[in-house]
Amino acid sequence: MEKVFASRGELLGTAERIVLGKHLIVELWTRDPHVLDDPTHLRESLLAAARRGGFTVVDVHFHEFSPHGVTGVVLLAESHMSIHTWPEYGYAAVDVFACSGDPWAAMAELKERLHAEHVEIRELDRGVLG
């Protein structure tokens, strides 16, 4: 069978590892849970994180739940950032997925603005080509 697809590394004749994007999957706990129930603060925080990461914002949507909790998505030209909060537990689930820019810088901004006391981050390579 003829091989139709090749990795970029194979095409370049190198063993270089090429990825299309970085995806940070974040577990965040805050010492200040009321920030997780404030959609305005969360929106401003994600937009500041997008600026710090060097991302281009395409669209923004946030939804406030009753009695508490917020879900928000910032659509980026580079992919997306999202947050889902459980203020009653002081917890937020955050995704930062980008094909360029600096997702780690964006996450550093969020950690500051959300007064994080404990953060666990898993980094995934997305679209591994070589």
N, C-alpha and C. Protein backbone atom coordinates (compact mmCIF):
# COMPACT_ATOMS: atom_id res chain seq x y z
N MET A 1 0.84 -1.18 0.00
CA MET A 1 0.00 0.00 0.00
C MET A 1 0.89 1.24 0.00
N GLU A 2 0.54 2.20 -0.82
CA GLU A 2 1.31 3.43 -0.92
C GLU A 2 1.00 4.36 0.26
N LYS A 3 2.06 4.95 0.81
CA LYS A 3 1.89 5.90 1.91
C LYS A 3 1.48 7.25 1.33
N VAL A 4 0.35 7.77 1.80
CA VAL A 4 -0.18 9.02 1.28
C VAL A 4 0.26 10.21 2.13
N PHE A 5 0.35 10.00 3.46
CA PHE A 5 0.67 11.09 4.37
C PHE A 5 2.04 10.88 5.00
N ALA A 6 2.73 11.96 5.27
CA ALA A 6 4.03 11.91 5.93
C ALA A 6 4.06 13.01 6.98
N SER A 7 4.85 12.77 8.03
CA SER A 7 5.01 13.82 9.03
C SER A 7 5.90 14.91 8.46
N ARG A 8 5.79 16.10 9.03
CA ARG A 8 6.64 17.20 8.58
C ARG A 8 8.12 16.85 8.79
N GLY A 9 8.40 16.16 9.89
CA GLY A 9 9.77 15.72 10.16
C GLY A 9 10.28 14.82 9.05
N GLU A 10 9.42 13.89 8.59
CA GLU A 10 9.82 13.00 7.49
C GLU A 10 10.04 13.80 6.20
N LEU A 11 9.15 14.78 5.95
CA LEU A 11 9.27 15.59 4.75
C LEU A 11 10.54 16.43 4.75
N LEU A 12 10.93 16.89 5.95
CA LEU A 12 12.15 17.70 6.08
C LEU A 12 13.40 16.85 6.21
N GLY A 13 13.20 15.54 6.36
CA GLY A 13 14.35 14.65 6.53
C GLY A 13 14.97 14.77 7.92
N THR A 14 14.16 15.15 8.92
CA THR A 14 14.66 15.29 10.29
C THR A 14 13.76 14.50 11.24
N ALA A 15 14.24 14.34 12.43
CA ALA A 15 13.45 13.68 13.47
C ALA A 15 12.75 14.73 14.34
N GLU A 16 12.67 15.96 13.84
CA GLU A 16 12.07 17.07 14.58
C GLU A 16 10.62 16.76 14.94
N ARG A 17 10.25 17.05 16.19
CA ARG A 17 8.87 16.85 16.64
C ARG A 17 8.09 18.12 16.36
N ILE A 18 7.07 18.01 15.54
CA ILE A 18 6.24 19.14 15.15
C ILE A 18 4.85 18.91 15.73
N VAL A 19 4.31 19.94 16.40
CA VAL A 19 2.94 19.87 16.91
C VAL A 19 2.18 21.10 16.42
N LEU A 20 0.88 20.92 16.21
CA LEU A 20 0.05 22.03 15.74
C LEU A 20 -0.39 22.94 16.87
N GLY A 21 -0.45 22.41 18.10
CA GLY A 21 -0.89 23.25 19.20
C GLY A 21 -0.56 22.67 20.55
N LYS A 22 -0.66 23.51 21.56
CA LYS A 22 -0.50 23.12 22.96
C LYS A 22 -1.84 23.30 23.65
N HIS A 23 -2.20 22.31 24.46
CA HIS A 23 -3.48 22.35 25.17
C HIS A 23 -3.18 22.17 26.66
N LEU A 24 -3.47 23.20 27.44
CA LEU A 24 -3.32 23.12 28.88
C LEU A 24 -4.68 22.79 29.49
N ILE A 25 -4.72 21.73 30.25
CA ILE A 25 -5.93 21.34 30.97
C ILE A 25 -5.64 21.59 32.44
N VAL A 26 -6.42 22.47 33.04
CA VAL A 26 -6.06 23.03 34.33
C VAL A 26 -7.13 22.77 35.38
N GLU A 27 -6.67 22.32 36.55
CA GLU A 27 -7.49 22.21 37.75
C GLU A 27 -7.04 23.35 38.65
N LEU A 28 -7.93 24.26 39.00
CA LEU A 28 -7.54 25.44 39.77
C LEU A 28 -8.44 25.59 40.99
N TRP A 29 -7.80 25.77 42.14
CA TRP A 29 -8.53 26.05 43.38
C TRP A 29 -8.09 27.42 43.87
N THR A 30 -9.04 28.22 44.32
CA THR A 30 -8.75 29.58 44.74
C THR A 30 -8.99 29.76 46.23
N ARG A 31 -8.28 30.73 46.80
CA ARG A 31 -8.49 31.09 48.20
C ARG A 31 -9.59 32.16 48.30
N ASP A 32 -10.13 32.56 47.16
CA ASP A 32 -11.11 33.64 47.08
C ASP A 32 -12.27 33.20 46.17
N PRO A 33 -13.13 32.27 46.65
CA PRO A 33 -14.14 31.66 45.77
C PRO A 33 -15.14 32.62 45.14
N HIS A 34 -15.35 33.80 45.73
CA HIS A 34 -16.35 34.70 45.14
C HIS A 34 -15.93 35.17 43.74
N VAL A 35 -14.62 35.15 43.41
CA VAL A 35 -14.19 35.55 42.06
C VAL A 35 -14.70 34.57 41.01
N LEU A 36 -15.01 33.34 41.44
CA LEU A 36 -15.49 32.33 40.50
C LEU A 36 -16.98 32.45 40.21
N ASP A 37 -17.65 33.36 40.92
CA ASP A 37 -19.09 33.55 40.72
C ASP A 37 -19.38 34.93 40.13
N ASP A 38 -18.35 35.57 39.61
CA ASP A 38 -18.46 36.91 39.07
C ASP A 38 -18.15 36.88 37.57
N PRO A 39 -19.20 36.81 36.72
CA PRO A 39 -18.94 36.68 35.27
C PRO A 39 -18.17 37.86 34.68
N THR A 40 -18.35 39.05 35.23
CA THR A 40 -17.62 40.21 34.72
C THR A 40 -16.13 40.06 35.01
N HIS A 41 -15.80 39.67 36.24
CA HIS A 41 -14.40 39.47 36.61
C HIS A 41 -13.78 38.33 35.78
N LEU A 42 -14.53 37.25 35.59
CA LEU A 42 -14.00 36.12 34.82
C LEU A 42 -13.78 36.52 33.36
N ARG A 43 -14.70 37.26 32.80
CA ARG A 43 -14.55 37.72 31.41
C ARG A 43 -13.30 38.60 31.28
N GLU A 44 -13.16 39.57 32.18
CA GLU A 44 -11.99 40.45 32.15
C GLU A 44 -10.70 39.65 32.34
N SER A 45 -10.75 38.64 33.21
CA SER A 45 -9.56 37.82 33.48
C SER A 45 -9.15 37.00 32.26
N LEU A 46 -10.12 36.38 31.58
CA LEU A 46 -9.78 35.61 30.40
C LEU A 46 -9.30 36.50 29.26
N LEU A 47 -9.89 37.68 29.12
CA LEU A 47 -9.43 38.60 28.08
C LEU A 47 -8.02 39.10 28.38
N ALA A 48 -7.72 39.37 29.64
CA ALA A 48 -6.35 39.77 30.02
C ALA A 48 -5.38 38.62 29.76
N ALA A 49 -5.81 37.39 30.05
CA ALA A 49 -4.97 36.22 29.79
C ALA A 49 -4.71 36.07 28.29
N ALA A 50 -5.73 36.33 27.48
CA ALA A 50 -5.56 36.25 26.02
C ALA A 50 -4.53 37.28 25.55
N ARG A 51 -4.60 38.49 26.10
CA ARG A 51 -3.61 39.52 25.72
C ARG A 51 -2.21 39.08 26.13
N ARG A 52 -2.07 38.60 27.36
CA ARG A 52 -0.75 38.19 27.85
C ARG A 52 -0.19 37.02 27.06
N GLY A 53 -1.06 36.14 26.58
CA GLY A 53 -0.62 35.00 25.78
C GLY A 53 -0.34 35.36 24.32
N GLY A 54 -0.68 36.59 23.93
CA GLY A 54 -0.46 37.01 22.55
C GLY A 54 -1.50 36.46 21.59
N PHE A 55 -2.72 36.23 22.08
CA PHE A 55 -3.79 35.64 21.27
C PHE A 55 -4.68 36.72 20.66
N THR A 56 -5.39 36.34 19.60
CA THR A 56 -6.35 37.21 18.94
C THR A 56 -7.75 36.74 19.29
N VAL A 57 -8.51 37.58 19.99
CA VAL A 57 -9.87 37.22 20.40
C VAL A 57 -10.82 37.40 19.22
N VAL A 58 -11.61 36.36 18.95
CA VAL A 58 -12.60 36.38 17.87
C VAL A 58 -14.00 36.60 18.44
N ASP A 59 -14.32 35.95 19.58
CA ASP A 59 -15.64 36.09 20.18
C ASP A 59 -15.55 35.69 21.65
N VAL A 60 -16.54 36.11 22.43
CA VAL A 60 -16.57 35.84 23.86
C VAL A 60 -18.00 35.53 24.26
N HIS A 61 -18.18 34.49 25.08
CA HIS A 61 -19.53 34.19 25.59
C HIS A 61 -19.41 33.63 27.00
N PHE A 62 -20.18 34.21 27.92
CA PHE A 62 -20.23 33.75 29.30
C PHE A 62 -21.68 33.52 29.71
N HIS A 63 -21.87 32.53 30.57
CA HIS A 63 -23.21 32.22 31.08
C HIS A 63 -23.13 32.04 32.59
N GLU A 64 -24.01 32.73 33.31
CA GLU A 64 -24.07 32.63 34.77
C GLU A 64 -25.19 31.67 35.15
N PHE A 65 -24.87 30.72 36.03
CA PHE A 65 -25.84 29.74 36.48
C PHE A 65 -26.46 30.19 37.80
N SER A 66 -27.63 29.64 38.12
CA SER A 66 -28.29 29.90 39.39
C SER A 66 -28.36 28.59 40.16
N PRO A 67 -27.96 28.52 41.41
CA PRO A 67 -27.66 29.65 42.27
C PRO A 67 -26.23 30.17 42.16
N HIS A 68 -25.32 29.44 41.55
CA HIS A 68 -23.95 29.92 41.40
C HIS A 68 -23.22 29.13 40.33
N GLY A 69 -22.11 29.69 39.88
CA GLY A 69 -21.28 29.07 38.84
C GLY A 69 -21.36 29.83 37.54
N VAL A 70 -20.28 29.75 36.80
CA VAL A 70 -20.17 30.46 35.52
C VAL A 70 -19.43 29.55 34.54
N THR A 71 -19.88 29.60 33.28
CA THR A 71 -19.15 28.97 32.19
C THR A 71 -18.83 30.06 31.18
N GLY A 72 -17.59 30.07 30.72
CA GLY A 72 -17.20 31.07 29.74
C GLY A 72 -16.26 30.51 28.70
N VAL A 73 -16.40 31.02 27.49
CA VAL A 73 -15.54 30.61 26.38
C VAL A 73 -15.04 31.85 25.66
N VAL A 74 -13.75 31.88 25.41
CA VAL A 74 -13.15 32.93 24.59
C VAL A 74 -12.63 32.22 23.34
N LEU A 75 -13.27 32.51 22.22
CA LEU A 75 -12.87 31.94 20.95
C LEU A 75 -11.69 32.74 20.42
N LEU A 76 -10.62 32.05 20.11
CA LEU A 76 -9.39 32.69 19.64
C LEU A 76 -9.14 32.34 18.18
N ALA A 77 -8.47 33.22 17.47
CA ALA A 77 -8.01 32.86 16.13
C ALA A 77 -7.08 31.65 16.23
N GLU A 78 -6.39 31.53 17.38
CA GLU A 78 -5.44 30.44 17.61
C GLU A 78 -6.10 29.18 18.18
N SER A 79 -7.33 29.24 18.64
CA SER A 79 -8.17 28.14 19.14
C SER A 79 -9.14 28.66 20.18
N HIS A 80 -8.95 28.31 21.50
CA HIS A 80 -9.93 28.76 22.49
C HIS A 80 -9.37 28.72 23.91
N MET A 81 -10.05 29.44 24.80
CA MET A 81 -9.86 29.34 26.24
C MET A 81 -11.25 29.18 26.84
N SER A 82 -11.36 28.34 27.89
CA SER A 82 -12.66 28.18 28.53
C SER A 82 -12.48 28.03 30.03
N ILE A 83 -13.57 28.34 30.76
CA ILE A 83 -13.58 28.19 32.20
C ILE A 83 -14.97 27.71 32.64
N HIS A 84 -14.99 26.82 33.59
CA HIS A 84 -16.22 26.32 34.20
C HIS A 84 -15.98 26.36 35.70
N THR A 85 -16.84 27.08 36.44
CA THR A 85 -16.56 27.29 37.85
C THR A 85 -17.58 26.65 38.78
N TRP A 86 -17.08 26.25 39.93
CA TRP A 86 -17.87 25.74 41.05
C TRP A 86 -17.46 26.56 42.27
N PRO A 87 -18.02 27.78 42.44
CA PRO A 87 -17.60 28.63 43.55
C PRO A 87 -17.80 27.98 44.91
N GLU A 88 -18.82 27.15 45.03
CA GLU A 88 -19.10 26.51 46.31
C GLU A 88 -17.95 25.59 46.76
N TYR A 89 -17.10 25.21 45.80
CA TYR A 89 -15.92 24.38 46.12
C TYR A 89 -14.62 25.16 45.93
N GLY A 90 -14.72 26.41 45.48
CA GLY A 90 -13.51 27.19 45.20
C GLY A 90 -12.71 26.62 44.05
N TYR A 91 -13.41 25.99 43.09
CA TYR A 91 -12.76 25.24 42.01
C TYR A 91 -13.15 25.77 40.64
N ALA A 92 -12.19 25.75 39.72
CA ALA A 92 -12.46 26.07 38.32
C ALA A 92 -11.71 25.08 37.42
N ALA A 93 -12.39 24.64 36.37
CA ALA A 93 -11.78 23.83 35.32
C ALA A 93 -11.49 24.79 34.16
N VAL A 94 -10.23 24.84 33.73
CA VAL A 94 -9.81 25.80 32.71
C VAL A 94 -9.12 25.04 31.58
N ASP A 95 -9.40 25.46 30.34
CA ASP A 95 -8.69 24.97 29.16
C ASP A 95 -8.06 26.16 28.46
N VAL A 96 -6.82 25.99 28.05
CA VAL A 96 -6.16 26.98 27.18
C VAL A 96 -5.55 26.17 26.05
N PHE A 97 -6.11 26.32 24.85
CA PHE A 97 -5.65 25.58 23.68
C PHE A 97 -5.26 26.59 22.61
N ALA A 98 -4.02 26.52 22.14
CA ALA A 98 -3.55 27.50 21.16
C ALA A 98 -2.54 26.89 20.21
N CYS A 99 -2.62 27.30 18.95
CA CYS A 99 -1.68 26.83 17.94
C CYS A 99 -0.52 27.81 17.76
N SER A 100 -0.58 28.95 18.46
CA SER A 100 0.54 29.89 18.50
C SER A 100 0.36 30.75 19.74
N GLY A 101 1.29 31.63 19.99
CA GLY A 101 1.23 32.41 21.21
C GLY A 101 1.79 31.61 22.38
N ASP A 102 1.48 32.05 23.59
CA ASP A 102 2.06 31.44 24.79
C ASP A 102 0.98 31.06 25.78
N PRO A 103 0.47 29.82 25.72
CA PRO A 103 -0.58 29.41 26.66
C PRO A 103 -0.13 29.44 28.12
N TRP A 104 1.16 29.23 28.38
CA TRP A 104 1.66 29.27 29.76
C TRP A 104 1.61 30.68 30.32
N ALA A 105 1.88 31.68 29.51
CA ALA A 105 1.77 33.07 29.95
C ALA A 105 0.32 33.42 30.23
N ALA A 106 -0.59 32.96 29.37
CA ALA A 106 -2.01 33.18 29.59
C ALA A 106 -2.45 32.56 30.92
N MET A 107 -1.98 31.35 31.19
CA MET A 107 -2.35 30.68 32.43
C MET A 107 -1.78 31.39 33.64
N ALA A 108 -0.58 31.93 33.52
CA ALA A 108 0.02 32.69 34.62
C ALA A 108 -0.87 33.89 34.98
N GLU A 109 -1.40 34.56 33.98
CA GLU A 109 -2.31 35.69 34.20
C GLU A 109 -3.57 35.24 34.93
N LEU A 110 -4.13 34.12 34.51
CA LEU A 110 -5.34 33.62 35.18
C LEU A 110 -5.07 33.23 36.63
N LYS A 111 -3.93 32.60 36.88
CA LYS A 111 -3.59 32.22 38.26
C LYS A 111 -3.55 33.45 39.15
N GLU A 112 -2.98 34.54 38.66
CA GLU A 112 -2.91 35.78 39.43
C GLU A 112 -4.30 36.36 39.67
N ARG A 113 -5.08 36.49 38.61
CA ARG A 113 -6.37 37.16 38.69
C ARG A 113 -7.41 36.36 39.46
N LEU A 114 -7.26 35.03 39.50
CA LEU A 114 -8.22 34.19 40.22
C LEU A 114 -7.73 33.82 41.61
N HIS A 115 -6.60 34.41 42.02
CA HIS A 115 -6.04 34.19 43.36
C HIS A 115 -5.87 32.70 43.66
N ALA A 116 -5.26 32.01 42.72
CA ALA A 116 -5.11 30.55 42.84
C ALA A 116 -4.21 30.21 44.02
N GLU A 117 -4.66 29.20 44.79
CA GLU A 117 -3.81 28.70 45.86
C GLU A 117 -3.26 27.33 45.52
N HIS A 118 -3.91 26.63 44.59
CA HIS A 118 -3.41 25.33 44.14
C HIS A 118 -3.82 25.14 42.68
N VAL A 119 -2.85 24.76 41.85
CA VAL A 119 -3.11 24.57 40.42
C VAL A 119 -2.42 23.30 39.96
N GLU A 120 -3.14 22.50 39.19
CA GLU A 120 -2.56 21.32 38.53
C GLU A 120 -2.77 21.51 37.04
N ILE A 121 -1.68 21.41 36.27
CA ILE A 121 -1.75 21.63 34.83
C ILE A 121 -1.21 20.41 34.09
N ARG A 122 -1.99 19.95 33.12
CA ARG A 122 -1.54 18.90 32.21
C ARG A 122 -1.39 19.55 30.84
N GLU A 123 -0.24 19.35 30.22
CA GLU A 123 0.00 19.88 28.89
C GLU A 123 -0.08 18.75 27.88
N LEU A 124 -0.89 18.97 26.86
CA LEU A 124 -1.03 17.99 25.78
C LEU A 124 -0.53 18.61 24.48
N ASP A 125 0.22 17.85 23.70
CA ASP A 125 0.54 18.25 22.35
C ASP A 125 -0.62 17.83 21.47
N ARG A 126 -1.13 18.76 20.67
CA ARG A 126 -2.24 18.46 19.76
C ARG A 126 -1.72 18.51 18.33
N GLY A 127 -2.18 17.59 17.51
CA GLY A 127 -1.77 17.57 16.12
C GLY A 127 -0.30 17.27 15.95
N VAL A 128 0.15 16.16 16.54
CA VAL A 128 1.57 15.78 16.43
C VAL A 128 1.83 15.31 15.01
N LEU A 129 2.73 16.02 14.32
CA LEU A 129 3.02 15.69 12.92
C LEU A 129 4.36 14.98 12.75
N GLY A 130 5.21 15.09 13.71
CA GLY A 130 6.51 14.46 13.54
C GLY A 130 7.18 14.19 14.85
